[in-house]
Amino acid sequence: MSTQKFSIILLYLIGYFQIFAQPSSANFSIKEHDFGEINEGVQAEYQFLFKNTGTKPIKLNSVHASCGCTTPEWSSEPVPPGKTGFVKAIYNSTGRPGGFTKTITVMIDDSQEPIILTIKGNVKPKLNDVYVKDTIGGLGFENLFIPINNFASNETKEFSIKFKNISKETINIIHKNTEHSPAFVPLFDRYSLNPGDVGTLTIQAIGEKGEASFLKHGQIFNEKIIFYTNEKSNNKKEILLNGTFVKIYTDKELAQQPKIQFEKIEFDAGNIIQGEKVNYAFKFKNVGGGILKIESAKPSCGCTASAPRKSEIEPGETSQIEMTFDSTGRTGPQSKTITVTSNDPINPTIVLKFKCNIQTNPFSGGFSK
């Protein structure tokens, strides 16, 4: 090959690379977009904008998505210098639960260098799936909350929740790492689920173990069933159980329990003069067979109350809740309460009531001359 021909080819190649190997004049301000969480079935759209920063019009030669689930749209006409064009990414999430990352490759006529645009996000499975109303990680649950209502100490109940593997990987339940109280025992019908598999979690509520789980008669409880899977994230699953525990006593057990009995639970002070202070003692007796403990005596606004000086009241012993009402700055009918809580298993909460009618002092204004 002659030196002249070689020089011509070299100049051609240099010109070629100057034109096509240089970056495009299409300046995309954003090349990656995160949709975050979207519901399955949504057509997620995002428009990538670019500006022609060159001196000549540019045209998009081709726009290709990395899969058929992403449909691109773009500016079809040449974009003049200083003007803006677009590439729109449309992601079809139907039938595609879980995380995704997709790319769009853009070729522009002023460069051979491709521009890569990226979209990503996480698709939450359809909520109308019979087994999927709530999700944690790759498991969809029929429910994450079980209302038990009244749960008696002499009964055993069973509650079932279906769950489904909505991920694309096999999920294993680590059954040795389950957390629960003695009164609520979880039982799984399977510990390994392939994608799409459905399992059942049965929870046994054992009333006779209620006290061992620190459930108290007449009080609302919020218990959790916690289990773990082999997932890399969101592998902790929680089921909430809510209800009221009811202790069923035998006659013998009941005779050994404390029992509070007030002489009266309402006191009407009648008419009082504004500025007066009213003191009253609500007297009570422990008529049960166990030691009575007053846990609290909480007054409503407007009066004060004090628990008994002695914290433990023996069977047959009497005591009292003392209250003081200050009528200063008040007029008209008044109604106040004191909420007393104790370890009486049958009546753990008693509301004491106080009322009066406050009259203005006729002499408070003084004498006129």
Protein backbone atom coordinates (compact mmCIF):
# COMPACT_ATOMS: atom_id res chain seq x y z
CA MET A 1 0.00 0.00 0.00
CA SER A 2 1.36 3.42 -0.99
CA THR A 3 2.05 6.08 1.59
CA GLN A 4 -0.52 8.36 -0.07
CA LYS A 5 -3.33 5.77 0.16
CA PHE A 6 -2.45 4.99 3.77
CA SER A 7 -2.60 8.68 4.66
CA ILE A 8 -6.03 9.01 3.04
CA ILE A 9 -7.37 6.00 4.99
CA LEU A 10 -5.87 7.34 8.22
CA LEU A 11 -7.49 10.74 7.71
CA TYR A 12 -10.83 9.03 6.99
CA LEU A 13 -10.63 6.99 10.19
CA ILE A 14 -9.70 10.02 12.25
CA GLY A 15 -12.67 11.88 10.84
CA TYR A 16 -14.93 8.89 11.47
CA PHE A 17 -13.97 8.63 15.14
CA GLN A 18 -14.21 12.39 15.61
CA ILE A 19 -17.78 12.27 14.35
CA PHE A 20 -19.06 9.01 15.78
CA ALA A 21 -16.90 8.15 18.80
CA GLN A 22 -17.54 11.45 20.53
CA PRO A 23 -20.41 11.70 23.03
CA SER A 24 -23.79 12.77 21.70
CA SER A 25 -25.04 16.33 22.06
CA ALA A 26 -28.15 14.87 23.74
CA ASN A 27 -27.68 15.87 27.38
CA PHE A 28 -29.94 13.78 29.71
CA SER A 29 -30.16 15.45 33.12
CA ILE A 30 -31.41 12.16 34.64
CA LYS A 31 -30.51 8.71 33.37
CA GLU A 32 -32.01 6.58 36.17
CA HIS A 33 -35.47 6.66 37.75
CA ASP A 34 -36.72 4.68 40.78
CA PHE A 35 -40.51 4.19 40.84
CA GLY A 36 -40.35 2.95 44.43
CA GLU A 37 -43.29 0.68 45.31
CA ILE A 38 -46.10 0.29 42.78
CA ASN A 39 -49.14 -1.98 42.81
CA GLU A 40 -49.25 -4.87 40.39
CA GLY A 41 -51.23 -3.99 37.26
CA VAL A 42 -50.06 -0.37 37.16
CA GLN A 43 -48.55 0.98 33.94
CA ALA A 44 -45.65 2.89 35.44
CA GLU A 45 -44.46 5.75 33.22
CA TYR A 46 -41.48 8.08 33.37
CA GLN A 47 -40.25 10.59 30.80
CA PHE A 48 -36.50 11.12 30.48
CA LEU A 49 -35.80 14.59 29.05
CA PHE A 50 -32.70 15.62 27.15
CA LYS A 51 -31.46 18.90 25.68
CA ASN A 52 -29.57 19.31 22.42
CA THR A 53 -26.44 21.12 23.56
CA GLY A 54 -24.85 20.98 20.10
CA THR A 55 -24.97 23.29 17.08
CA LYS A 56 -26.88 20.98 14.74
CA PRO A 57 -30.22 19.16 14.94
CA ILE A 58 -30.04 15.60 16.30
CA LYS A 59 -32.33 12.66 15.71
CA LEU A 60 -32.96 9.50 17.72
CA ASN A 61 -32.06 6.61 15.43
CA SER A 62 -33.22 3.78 17.70
CA VAL A 63 -34.61 3.15 21.17
CA HIS A 64 -34.58 -0.43 22.49
CA ALA A 65 -35.82 -1.76 25.87
CA SER A 66 -34.10 -4.66 27.62
CA CYS A 67 -37.37 -6.67 27.80
CA GLY A 68 -40.88 -6.74 26.42
CA CYS A 69 -42.34 -5.54 29.73
CA THR A 70 -40.96 -2.06 29.03
CA THR A 71 -42.35 -0.05 26.12
CA PRO A 72 -40.48 3.10 25.09
CA GLU A 73 -41.77 6.17 23.29
CA TRP A 74 -39.55 8.99 22.05
CA SER A 75 -39.24 12.19 20.04
CA SER A 76 -39.65 11.19 16.40
CA GLU A 77 -38.66 14.51 14.81
CA PRO A 78 -35.13 16.01 14.80
CA VAL A 79 -34.43 18.11 17.90
CA PRO A 80 -32.96 21.55 17.03
CA PRO A 81 -30.02 23.01 19.01
CA GLY A 82 -31.09 24.28 22.42
CA LYS A 83 -34.41 22.43 22.28
CA THR A 84 -35.64 19.50 24.38
CA GLY A 85 -36.57 15.96 23.39
CA PHE A 86 -37.75 12.96 25.40
CA VAL A 87 -37.65 9.19 25.85
CA LYS A 88 -40.63 7.79 27.76
CA ALA A 89 -40.35 4.46 29.58
CA ILE A 90 -43.59 2.55 30.22
CA TYR A 91 -43.30 -0.48 32.52
CA ASN A 92 -46.13 -3.06 32.57
CA SER A 93 -46.24 -4.49 36.11
CA THR A 94 -49.04 -7.00 35.44
CA GLY A 95 -47.98 -10.47 36.57
CA ARG A 96 -44.57 -9.22 37.69
CA PRO A 97 -44.52 -8.89 41.50
CA GLY A 98 -41.19 -8.13 43.12
CA GLY A 99 -38.23 -5.90 42.36
CA PHE A 100 -37.18 -4.97 38.84
CA THR A 101 -34.38 -3.12 37.03
CA LYS A 102 -34.74 -2.48 33.28
CA THR A 103 -32.69 -0.51 30.75
CA ILE A 104 -33.39 1.38 27.55
CA THR A 105 -30.59 1.79 25.01
CA VAL A 106 -30.76 5.02 22.99
CA MET A 107 -28.79 5.62 19.79
CA ILE A 108 -28.58 9.18 18.38
CA ASP A 109 -27.36 10.08 14.89
CA ASP A 110 -24.48 12.29 16.01
CA SER A 111 -22.69 9.50 17.89
CA GLN A 112 -22.01 5.77 17.84
CA GLU A 113 -21.87 5.78 21.66
CA PRO A 114 -25.11 4.36 23.18
CA ILE A 115 -26.92 6.16 26.01
CA ILE A 116 -28.28 3.80 28.68
CA LEU A 117 -31.40 4.83 30.65
CA THR A 118 -32.49 2.80 33.69
CA ILE A 119 -35.80 2.31 35.49
CA LYS A 120 -36.29 0.29 38.65
CA GLY A 121 -38.77 -0.29 41.45
CA ASN A 122 -40.70 -2.89 43.44
CA VAL A 123 -44.09 -4.26 42.41
CA LYS A 124 -46.50 -5.10 45.25
CA PRO A 125 -48.70 -8.09 44.35
CA LYS A 126 -52.39 -7.66 43.64
CA LEU A 127 -54.38 -7.13 46.81
CA ASN A 128 -57.42 -8.89 45.38
CA ASP A 129 -55.60 -12.23 45.47
CA VAL A 130 -57.66 -14.48 47.77
CA TYR A 131 -54.54 -15.20 49.84
CA VAL A 132 -52.88 -11.78 49.67
CA LYS A 133 -54.25 -8.81 51.61
CA ASP A 134 -51.02 -7.92 53.43
CA THR A 135 -47.42 -8.57 52.47
CA ILE A 136 -44.10 -8.87 54.31
CA GLY A 137 -41.19 -9.50 52.01
CA GLY A 138 -41.92 -12.40 49.68
CA LEU A 139 -44.90 -13.73 51.63
CA GLY A 140 -48.45 -12.51 51.08
CA PHE A 141 -50.89 -13.05 53.94
CA GLU A 142 -54.64 -13.46 54.10
CA ASN A 143 -54.43 -11.28 57.20
CA LEU A 144 -51.87 -10.06 59.72
CA PHE A 145 -54.37 -9.45 62.53
CA ILE A 146 -56.56 -11.94 64.44
CA PRO A 147 -59.33 -10.56 66.68
CA ILE A 148 -59.98 -13.09 69.45
CA ASN A 149 -62.50 -11.02 71.44
CA ASN A 150 -63.25 -12.77 74.76
CA PHE A 151 -60.69 -15.48 75.46
CA ALA A 152 -61.60 -17.61 78.49
CA SER A 153 -59.14 -19.54 80.63
CA ASN A 154 -61.17 -22.77 80.33
CA GLU A 155 -61.22 -22.97 76.53
CA THR A 156 -58.92 -23.69 73.59
CA LYS A 157 -59.49 -21.99 70.24
CA GLU A 158 -57.88 -22.32 66.83
CA PHE A 159 -57.41 -19.60 64.21
CA SER A 160 -55.99 -20.08 60.71
CA ILE A 161 -54.30 -17.72 58.26
CA LYS A 162 -53.30 -18.63 54.73
CA PHE A 163 -50.09 -17.28 53.27
CA LYS A 164 -48.57 -17.42 49.80
CA ASN A 165 -45.08 -17.24 48.30
CA ILE A 166 -45.41 -14.25 45.97
CA SER A 167 -41.69 -14.09 45.19
CA LYS A 168 -39.71 -15.82 42.45
CA GLU A 169 -37.56 -17.80 44.90
CA THR A 170 -38.20 -20.70 47.27
CA ILE A 171 -38.90 -19.45 50.80
CA ASN A 172 -38.14 -21.58 53.87
CA ILE A 173 -39.61 -20.93 57.31
CA ILE A 174 -37.07 -21.28 60.12
CA HIS A 175 -39.35 -23.12 62.55
CA LYS A 176 -36.75 -23.29 65.35
CA ASN A 177 -36.71 -19.50 65.56
CA THR A 178 -40.39 -18.80 66.28
CA GLU A 179 -41.32 -16.37 69.08
CA HIS A 180 -44.62 -16.70 70.95
CA SER A 181 -46.09 -16.86 74.46
CA PRO A 182 -47.28 -20.18 76.00
CA ALA A 183 -50.93 -19.27 75.40
CA PHE A 184 -50.58 -18.85 71.62
CA VAL A 185 -48.83 -21.66 69.74
CA PRO A 186 -48.21 -21.42 65.96
CA LEU A 187 -48.42 -24.55 63.77
CA PHE A 188 -47.36 -24.52 60.11
CA ASP A 189 -48.63 -27.08 57.61
CA ARG A 190 -45.42 -26.62 55.59
CA TYR A 191 -42.02 -25.02 56.09
CA SER A 192 -40.91 -24.66 52.47
CA LEU A 193 -42.82 -22.87 49.71
CA ASN A 194 -41.94 -22.67 46.04
CA PRO A 195 -43.09 -19.57 44.10
CA GLY A 196 -46.91 -19.50 44.08
CA ASP A 197 -47.29 -22.12 46.84
CA VAL A 198 -49.90 -21.55 49.57
CA GLY A 199 -49.48 -22.58 53.20
CA THR A 200 -51.60 -22.39 56.36
CA LEU A 201 -50.60 -21.06 59.76
CA THR A 202 -52.83 -22.38 62.55
CA ILE A 203 -52.63 -20.64 65.92
CA GLN A 204 -53.78 -22.52 69.00
CA ALA A 205 -55.06 -20.23 71.76
CA ILE A 206 -54.76 -22.21 75.00
CA GLY A 207 -56.77 -20.55 77.75
CA GLU A 208 -55.30 -22.49 80.69
CA LYS A 209 -51.88 -20.99 79.82
CA GLY A 210 -53.21 -17.42 79.85
CA GLU A 211 -51.85 -16.59 83.30
CA ALA A 212 -48.48 -18.12 82.35
CA SER A 213 -48.47 -15.59 79.51
CA PHE A 214 -49.20 -12.77 82.02
CA LEU A 215 -52.74 -12.22 80.74
CA LYS A 216 -54.97 -10.59 83.34
CA HIS A 217 -58.67 -11.06 83.84
CA GLY A 218 -60.79 -8.38 82.16
CA GLN A 219 -57.85 -6.69 80.48
CA ILE A 220 -57.14 -6.28 76.78
CA PHE A 221 -54.09 -8.10 75.46
CA ASN A 222 -51.97 -7.61 72.35
CA GLU A 223 -49.85 -10.66 71.59
CA LYS A 224 -47.56 -11.41 68.65
CA ILE A 225 -46.58 -14.51 66.74
CA ILE A 226 -43.14 -13.86 65.24
CA PHE A 227 -41.37 -16.16 62.81
CA TYR A 228 -38.45 -15.86 60.40
CA THR A 229 -37.64 -17.00 56.87
CA ASN A 230 -34.45 -17.47 54.87
CA GLU A 231 -35.05 -14.25 52.90
CA LYS A 232 -32.21 -11.73 52.75
CA SER A 233 -34.54 -8.83 53.63
CA ASN A 234 -37.88 -8.49 55.43
CA ASN A 235 -37.40 -11.99 56.82
CA LYS A 236 -39.19 -11.20 60.11
CA LYS A 237 -42.95 -11.83 60.02
CA GLU A 238 -45.40 -10.71 62.72
CA ILE A 239 -49.01 -11.75 63.33
CA LEU A 240 -50.94 -9.66 65.89
CA LEU A 241 -53.57 -11.19 68.20
CA ASN A 242 -55.93 -8.94 70.14
CA GLY A 243 -58.67 -9.69 72.65
CA THR A 244 -59.80 -9.66 76.27
CA PHE A 245 -58.77 -12.40 78.68
CA VAL A 246 -61.45 -13.83 80.96
CA LYS A 247 -60.35 -15.90 83.93
CA ILE A 248 -62.93 -18.54 84.86
CA TYR A 249 -62.63 -19.33 88.57
CA THR A 250 -63.92 -22.37 90.38
CA ASP A 251 -65.87 -21.66 93.56
CA LYS A 252 -62.84 -22.71 95.58
CA GLU A 253 -60.47 -20.45 93.63
CA LEU A 254 -62.89 -17.53 93.86
CA ALA A 255 -63.17 -17.88 97.64
CA GLN A 256 -59.39 -17.41 97.87
CA GLN A 257 -59.36 -14.18 95.84
CA PRO A 258 -59.63 -10.60 97.18
CA LYS A 259 -62.95 -8.82 96.76
CA ILE A 260 -63.51 -5.09 97.20
CA GLN A 261 -66.87 -3.83 98.48
CA PHE A 262 -67.62 -0.10 98.89
CA GLU A 263 -70.25 1.21 101.32
CA LYS A 264 -71.35 3.53 98.53
CA ILE A 265 -69.88 4.45 95.14
CA GLU A 266 -71.77 7.74 94.74
CA PHE A 267 -71.76 10.83 96.96
CA ASP A 268 -73.93 13.92 96.45
CA ALA A 269 -72.71 16.93 98.44
CA GLY A 270 -75.81 18.92 97.50
CA ASN A 271 -75.58 22.72 97.37
CA ILE A 272 -72.27 24.29 98.38
CA ILE A 273 -71.00 27.87 98.35
CA GLN A 274 -68.40 28.81 95.76
CA GLY A 275 -64.92 28.61 97.32
CA GLU A 276 -65.78 25.76 99.70
CA LYS A 277 -63.70 22.61 99.85
CA VAL A 278 -65.49 19.29 100.26
CA ASN A 279 -63.76 16.31 101.83
CA TYR A 280 -65.22 12.82 101.65
CA ALA A 281 -64.02 9.29 102.28
CA PHE A 282 -65.31 6.40 100.18
CA LYS A 283 -65.09 3.49 102.62
CA PHE A 284 -64.61 -0.10 101.48
CA LYS A 285 -63.96 -3.56 102.87
CA ASN A 286 -62.08 -6.60 101.61
CA VAL A 287 -64.79 -9.28 101.78
CA GLY A 288 -62.74 -11.85 99.87
CA GLY A 289 -60.26 -14.50 100.96
CA GLY A 290 -57.05 -12.99 99.55
CA ILE A 291 -55.01 -9.84 100.20
CA LEU A 292 -56.49 -6.80 98.42
CA LYS A 293 -54.16 -4.35 96.70
CA ILE A 294 -55.30 -0.92 95.49
CA GLU A 295 -53.25 -0.30 92.36
CA SER A 296 -54.42 3.26 91.62
CA ALA A 297 -57.06 5.90 92.39
CA LYS A 298 -57.24 8.38 89.51
CA PRO A 299 -59.57 11.39 89.82
CA SER A 300 -61.06 13.31 86.92
CA CYS A 301 -60.26 17.00 86.64
CA GLY A 302 -61.47 19.10 89.55
CA CYS A 303 -60.80 16.93 92.57
CA THR A 304 -57.96 15.03 94.21
CA ALA A 305 -57.90 11.53 95.62
CA SER A 306 -55.44 9.49 97.62
CA ALA A 307 -55.01 5.73 97.80
CA PRO A 308 -55.19 4.05 101.23
CA ARG A 309 -52.18 4.57 103.45
CA LYS A 310 -51.89 0.81 103.79
CA SER A 311 -51.08 -0.81 100.45
CA GLU A 312 -52.31 -4.29 101.35
CA ILE A 313 -55.73 -4.84 102.92
CA GLU A 314 -56.20 -8.17 104.65
CA PRO A 315 -59.43 -10.22 104.33
CA GLY A 316 -62.14 -8.64 106.51
CA GLU A 317 -60.17 -5.38 106.87
CA THR A 318 -61.62 -1.95 105.98
CA SER A 319 -60.01 1.11 104.42
CA GLN A 320 -60.98 4.19 102.44
CA ILE A 321 -60.29 6.38 99.39
CA GLU A 322 -60.16 10.01 100.49
CA MET A 323 -61.10 12.78 98.10
CA THR A 324 -61.06 16.57 98.17
CA PHE A 325 -63.04 18.86 95.87
CA ASP A 326 -62.19 22.58 95.59
CA SER A 327 -65.10 24.64 94.25
CA THR A 328 -63.09 27.83 93.78
CA GLY A 329 -63.80 29.42 90.42
CA ARG A 330 -66.63 27.00 89.60
CA THR A 331 -70.39 27.48 89.44
CA GLY A 332 -73.42 25.32 88.81
CA PRO A 333 -73.79 21.51 88.79
CA GLN A 334 -70.56 19.54 89.04
CA SER A 335 -69.90 15.84 88.42
CA LYS A 336 -66.52 14.23 89.06
CA THR A 337 -65.22 10.66 89.14
CA ILE A 338 -62.45 8.62 90.73
CA THR A 339 -61.38 5.44 88.92
CA VAL A 340 -60.12 2.81 91.35
CA THR A 341 -58.20 -0.24 90.11
CA SER A 342 -57.32 -3.20 92.30
CA ASN A 343 -56.37 -6.86 92.12
CA ASP A 344 -59.99 -7.93 92.61
CA PRO A 345 -60.28 -10.41 89.71
CA ILE A 346 -64.02 -9.94 89.25
CA ASN A 347 -64.22 -6.14 89.63
CA PRO A 348 -60.72 -4.83 88.87
CA THR A 349 -62.05 -1.35 88.02
CA ILE A 350 -64.66 0.61 89.99
CA VAL A 351 -65.72 4.19 89.22
CA LEU A 352 -66.63 6.36 92.22
CA LYS A 353 -68.86 9.36 91.55
CA PHE A 354 -69.08 12.74 93.29
CA LYS A 355 -71.51 15.53 92.48
CA CYS A 356 -72.64 18.86 93.88
CA ASN A 357 -74.20 22.17 92.92
CA ILE A 358 -72.07 25.27 93.42
CA GLN A 359 -73.90 28.49 94.35
CA THR A 360 -72.41 31.98 94.25
CA ASN A 361 -71.68 33.45 97.68
CA PRO A 362 -74.34 36.18 98.15
CA PHE A 363 -71.97 38.20 100.34
CA SER A 364 -68.93 38.00 98.02
CA GLY A 365 -69.76 41.34 96.36
CA GLY A 366 -69.73 43.38 99.58
CA PHE A 367 -72.23 46.15 100.61
CA SER A 368 -73.14 49.15 98.54
CA LYS A 369 -73.52 52.59 100.14
